[in-house]
C-alpha atoms as a PDB file:
ATOM      1  CA  MET A   1     -18.465  23.609  54.368  1.00  0.00           C
ATOM      2  CA  THR A   2     -18.470  26.880  52.447  1.00  0.00           C
ATOM      3  CA  GLY A   3     -15.865  27.857  49.903  1.00  0.00           C
ATOM      4  CA  THR A   4     -15.195  24.307  48.722  1.00  0.00           C
ATOM      5  CA  THR A   5     -16.206  22.194  45.755  1.00  0.00           C
ATOM      6  CA  PRO A   6     -16.956  18.488  46.261  1.00  0.00           C
ATOM      7  CA  VAL A   7     -14.940  16.296  43.905  1.00  0.00           C
ATOM      8  CA  PRO A   8     -16.321  12.764  43.474  1.00  0.00           C
ATOM      9  CA  ASN A   9     -14.044  10.143  45.013  1.00  0.00           C
ATOM     10  CA  GLU A  10     -14.486   7.853  42.023  1.00  0.00           C
ATOM     11  CA  LEU A  11     -12.920  10.468  39.775  1.00  0.00           C
ATOM     12  CA  LEU A  12      -9.842  10.550  41.989  1.00  0.00           C
ATOM     13  CA  ASP A  13      -9.710   6.843  42.798  1.00  0.00           C
ATOM     14  CA  ARG A  14     -10.532   5.325  39.426  1.00  0.00           C
ATOM     15  CA  TYR A  15      -9.935   7.848  36.658  1.00  0.00           C
ATOM     16  CA  LEU A  16      -7.172  10.231  37.779  1.00  0.00           C
ATOM     17  CA  LYS A  17      -4.353   8.079  36.389  1.00  0.00           C
ATOM     18  CA  ASP A  18      -6.068   7.952  32.963  1.00  0.00           C
ATOM     19  CA  LEU A  19      -6.582  11.702  32.558  1.00  0.00           C
ATOM     20  CA  HIS A  20      -3.931  13.866  30.919  1.00  0.00           C
ATOM     21  CA  GLY A  21      -3.503  17.526  31.887  1.00  0.00           C
ATOM     22  CA  ALA A  22      -6.138  19.173  29.681  1.00  0.00           C
ATOM     23  CA  GLU A  23      -8.727  16.453  30.411  1.00  0.00           C
ATOM     24  CA  LEU A  24      -8.180  16.853  34.143  1.00  0.00           C
ATOM     25  CA  SER A  25      -8.442  20.638  33.858  1.00  0.00           C
ATOM     26  CA  VAL A  26     -11.666  20.444  31.853  1.00  0.00           C
ATOM     27  CA  VAL A  27     -13.327  17.931  34.189  1.00  0.00           C
ATOM     28  CA  LEU A  28     -12.327  20.049  37.198  1.00  0.00           C
ATOM     29  CA  ILE A  29     -13.788  23.150  35.524  1.00  0.00           C
ATOM     30  CA  ILE A  30     -17.036  21.234  34.932  1.00  0.00           C
ATOM     31  CA  ILE A  31     -17.085  20.047  38.545  1.00  0.00           C
ATOM     32  CA  ARG A  32     -16.523  23.596  39.778  1.00  0.00           C
ATOM     33  CA  GLN A  33     -19.252  25.002  37.530  1.00  0.00           C
ATOM     34  CA  THR A  34     -21.770  22.316  38.530  1.00  0.00           C
ATOM     35  CA  LEU A  35     -21.144  20.655  41.903  1.00  0.00           C
ATOM     36  CA  GLY A  36     -19.394  23.824  43.075  1.00  0.00           C
ATOM     37  CA  TRP A  37     -22.605  25.838  42.857  1.00  0.00           C
ATOM     38  CA  GLU A  38     -25.605  25.469  45.101  1.00  0.00           C
ATOM     39  CA  ASP A  39     -28.875  25.392  43.207  1.00  0.00           C
ATOM     40  CA  ARG A  40     -31.949  25.554  45.393  1.00  0.00           C
ATOM     41  CA  ARG A  41     -34.141  24.541  42.438  1.00  0.00           C
ATOM     42  CA  SER A  42     -32.282  21.227  42.085  1.00  0.00           C
ATOM     43  CA  VAL A  43     -33.397  18.112  43.954  1.00  0.00           C
ATOM     44  CA  HIS A  44     -29.887  17.556  45.339  1.00  0.00           C
ATOM     45  CA  GLY A  45     -28.999  21.219  45.798  1.00  0.00           C
ATOM     46  CA  ARG A  46     -26.242  21.267  43.147  1.00  0.00           C
ATOM     47  CA  LYS A  47     -26.258  22.082  39.460  1.00  0.00           C
ATOM     48  CA  LYS A  48     -26.316  19.050  37.194  1.00  0.00           C
ATOM     49  CA  ARG A  49     -25.059  20.936  34.130  1.00  0.00           C
ATOM     50  CA  ASP A  50     -23.902  24.371  33.160  1.00  0.00           C
ATOM     51  CA  TRP A  51     -23.143  26.382  30.058  1.00  0.00           C
ATOM     52  CA  ILE A  52     -19.380  26.711  29.770  1.00  0.00           C
ATOM     53  CA  SER A  53     -17.877  28.502  26.799  1.00  0.00           C
ATOM     54  CA  VAL A  54     -14.629  27.417  25.203  1.00  0.00           C
ATOM     55  CA  ASN A  55     -13.198  30.826  26.088  1.00  0.00           C
ATOM     56  CA  GLN A  56     -14.035  30.230  29.773  1.00  0.00           C
ATOM     57  CA  SER A  57     -12.257  26.873  29.618  1.00  0.00           C
ATOM     58  CA  ILE A  58      -9.228  28.451  27.933  1.00  0.00           C
ATOM     59  CA  GLU A  59      -9.097  31.245  30.500  1.00  0.00           C
ATOM     60  CA  LYS A  60      -9.507  28.949  33.508  1.00  0.00           C
ATOM     61  CA  SER A  61      -7.158  26.188  32.333  1.00  0.00           C
ATOM     62  CA  GLY A  62      -4.504  27.964  30.282  1.00  0.00           C
ATOM     63  CA  TYR A  63      -4.819  25.362  27.521  1.00  0.00           C
ATOM     64  CA  SER A  64      -5.368  26.119  23.843  1.00  0.00           C
ATOM     65  CA  ARG A  65      -8.713  25.848  22.039  1.00  0.00           C
ATOM     66  CA  ARG A  66      -7.497  22.659  20.328  1.00  0.00           C
ATOM     67  CA  ALA A  67      -6.373  21.092  23.622  1.00  0.00           C
ATOM     68  CA  ILE A  68      -9.750  21.912  25.208  1.00  0.00           C
ATOM     69  CA  SER A  69     -11.604  20.411  22.238  1.00  0.00           C
ATOM     70  CA  LEU A  70      -9.522  17.227  22.349  1.00  0.00           C
ATOM     71  CA  ALA A  71      -9.983  17.006  26.122  1.00  0.00           C
ATOM     72  CA  ILE A  72     -13.769  17.285  25.773  1.00  0.00           C
ATOM     73  CA  ASP A  73     -13.736  14.564  23.110  1.00  0.00           C
ATOM     74  CA  GLY A  74     -11.642  12.334  25.369  1.00  0.00           C
ATOM     75  CA  LEU A  75     -13.872  12.890  28.397  1.00  0.00           C
ATOM     76  CA  VAL A  76     -17.031  12.147  26.381  1.00  0.00           C
ATOM     77  CA  THR A  77     -15.404   8.990  24.970  1.00  0.00           C
ATOM     78  CA  LYS A  78     -14.409   7.910  28.505  1.00  0.00           C
ATOM     79  CA  LYS A  79     -18.020   8.595  29.544  1.00  0.00           C
ATOM     80  CA  LEU A  80     -16.998  10.998  32.311  1.00  0.00           C
ATOM     81  CA  ILE A  81     -18.947  13.977  30.990  1.00  0.00           C
ATOM     82  CA  ASN A  82     -22.047  14.661  28.942  1.00  0.00           C
ATOM     83  CA  VAL A  83     -22.438  17.554  26.525  1.00  0.00           C
ATOM     84  CA  PHE A  84     -25.866  18.951  25.673  1.00  0.00           C
ATOM     85  CA  ASP A  85     -27.292  21.628  23.413  1.00  0.00           C
ATOM     86  CA  GLY A  86     -29.718  24.260  24.694  1.00  0.00           C
ATOM     87  CA  PHE A  87     -32.660  21.881  24.229  1.00  0.00           C
ATOM     88  CA  GLY A  88     -31.123  19.124  26.373  1.00  0.00           C
ATOM     89  CA  ASN A  89     -30.119  16.899  23.440  1.00  0.00           C
ATOM     90  CA  ALA A  90     -26.967  14.881  24.068  1.00  0.00           C
ATOM     91  CA  LEU A  91     -24.135  15.748  21.684  1.00  0.00           C
ATOM     92  CA  THR A  92     -22.073  12.582  21.678  1.00  0.00           C
ATOM     93  CA  ASN A  93     -19.527  13.312  18.964  1.00  0.00           C
ATOM     94  CA  PRO A  94     -17.506  16.313  17.756  1.00  0.00           C
ATOM     95  CA  SER A  95     -19.530  16.823  14.569  1.00  0.00           C
ATOM     96  CA  MET A  96     -22.716  17.225  16.636  1.00  0.00           C
ATOM     97  CA  ARG A  97     -21.025  19.885  18.806  1.00  0.00           C
ATOM     98  CA  GLN A  98     -19.435  21.797  15.950  1.00  0.00           C
ATOM     99  CA  GLY A  99     -20.906  25.256  15.348  1.00  0.00           C
ATOM    100  CA  LYS A 100     -23.227  25.184  18.380  1.00  0.00           C
ATOM    101  CA  GLN A 101     -23.534  28.550  20.132  1.00  0.00           C
ATOM    102  CA  ARG A 102     -24.002  27.173  23.640  1.00  0.00           C
ATOM    103  CA  LEU A 103     -22.856  23.848  24.984  1.00  0.00           C
ATOM    104  CA  PHE A 104     -23.889  22.632  28.422  1.00  0.00           C
ATOM    105  CA  TYR A 105     -21.606  20.279  30.337  1.00  0.00           C
ATOM    106  CA  GLY A 106     -22.217  17.922  33.232  1.00  0.00           C
ATOM    107  CA  LEU A 107     -20.725  14.858  34.844  1.00  0.00           C
ATOM    108  CA  THR A 108     -22.044  11.535  33.644  1.00  0.00           C
ATOM    109  CA  PRO A 109     -24.255  10.017  36.331  1.00  0.00           C
ATOM    110  CA  THR A 110     -22.645   6.688  37.192  1.00  0.00           C
ATOM    111  CA  PRO A 111     -23.129   4.334  40.098  1.00  0.00           C
ATOM    112  CA  LEU A 112     -20.655   4.932  42.893  1.00  0.00           C
ATOM    113  CA  SER A 113     -19.664   2.941  45.914  1.00  0.00           C
ATOM    114  CA  PRO A 114     -21.540   4.279  48.922  1.00  0.00           C
ATOM    115  CA  VAL A 115     -19.491   6.240  51.425  1.00  0.00           C
ATOM    116  CA  ASP A 116     -20.062   5.819  55.146  1.00  0.00           C
ATOM    117  CA  ASN A 117     -19.717   8.575  57.693  1.00  0.00           C
ATOM    118  CA  VAL A 118     -15.950   8.244  58.074  1.00  0.00           C
ATOM    119  CA  GLY A 119     -15.211   8.242  54.356  1.00  0.00           C
ATOM    120  CA  ILE A 120     -14.537   4.525  53.805  1.00  0.00           C
ATOM    121  CA  THR A 121     -16.188   2.932  50.803  1.00  0.00           C
ATOM    122  CA  SER A 122     -18.010  -0.329  51.299  1.00  0.00           C
ATOM    123  CA  GLY A 123     -16.866  -1.754  47.973  1.00  0.00           C
ATOM    124  CA  LYS A 124     -20.368  -2.960  47.091  1.00  0.00           C
ATOM    125  CA  PRO A 125     -21.877  -1.860  43.779  1.00  0.00           C
ATOM    126  CA  VAL A 126     -24.652   0.689  43.999  1.00  0.00           C
ATOM    127  CA  THR A 127     -27.926  -0.184  42.363  1.00  0.00           C
ATOM    128  CA  ASN A 128     -30.110   2.582  43.777  1.00  0.00           C
ATOM    129  CA  GLY A 129     -29.151   5.195  41.163  1.00  0.00           C
ATOM    130  CA  ASN A 130     -26.711   7.274  43.210  1.00  0.00           C
ATOM    131  CA  THR A 131     -24.991   9.938  41.140  1.00  0.00           C
ATOM    132  CA  TYR A 132     -21.940  12.091  41.665  1.00  0.00           C
ATOM    133  CA  VAL A 133     -24.218  14.888  42.825  1.00  0.00           C
ATOM    134  CA  ASN A 134     -26.010  13.082  45.655  1.00  0.00           C
ATOM    135  CA  THR A 135     -22.912  11.137  46.704  1.00  0.00           C
ATOM    136  CA  ALA A 136     -20.878  14.351  46.852  1.00  0.00           C
ATOM    137  CA  GLU A 137     -23.653  16.070  48.819  1.00  0.00           C
ATOM    138  CA  GLY A 138     -23.771  13.182  51.303  1.00  0.00           C
ATOM    139  CA  LEU A 139     -19.996  13.282  51.645  1.00  0.00           C
ATOM    140  CA  ARG A 140     -20.126  17.053  52.242  1.00  0.00           C
ATOM    141  CA  ARG A 141     -22.661  16.553  55.046  1.00  0.00           C
ATOM    142  CA  ASN A 142     -20.536  13.796  56.611  1.00  0.00           C
ATOM    143  CA  VAL A 143     -17.364  15.881  56.482  1.00  0.00           C
ATOM    144  CA  THR A 144     -19.187  18.863  57.987  1.00  0.00           C
ATOM    145  CA  ALA A 145     -20.581  16.715  60.819  1.00  0.00           C
ATOM    146  CA  LEU A 146     -17.151  15.204  61.476  1.00  0.00           C
ATOM    147  CA  ALA A 147     -15.538  18.655  61.525  1.00  0.00           C
ATOM    148  CA  GLN A 148     -18.159  19.872  64.009  1.00  0.00           C
ATOM    149  CA  LYS A 149     -17.500  16.880  66.273  1.00  0.00           C
ATOM    150  CA  MET A 150     -13.761  17.608  66.131  1.00  0.00           C
ATOM    151  CA  LEU A 151     -14.365  21.230  67.160  1.00  0.00           C
ATOM    152  CA  ILE A 152     -16.535  20.124  70.079  1.00  0.00           C
ATOM    153  CA  THR A 153     -13.959  17.642  71.419  1.00  0.00           C
ATOM    154  CA  LYS A 154     -10.932  19.938  71.192  1.00  0.00           C
END
């Protein structure tokens, strides 16, 4: 489906209640800048990380520089996002990120419950290394197929 960005179900089902406004805005910006972009070079067809400036985050969210910084710290602490420097080194605390020219952000790859073709989770833990990216891509394909079936039957 074009013009949409896949948001991982686990984010909505498990973490939404724990995210305050700026954290939610920042994680949605990261999702849009990564999963929201097709990348033909990537194995799963979506970006895994992207360079996002603080000014971009301020402009897109409407939050202050301090609120964005605190939100990033909170999301890293909650292990929902990873922050990297230009060499791919993980920057796990604020002092490591301070003064860096370019920071790259991505969702933390975590096991998700598999989703079947009607969008119901099985509830079994995943041990095959599924990430937000490939789960979201599979969900996108399933939704597209379901939408096509609906168009055919109506």
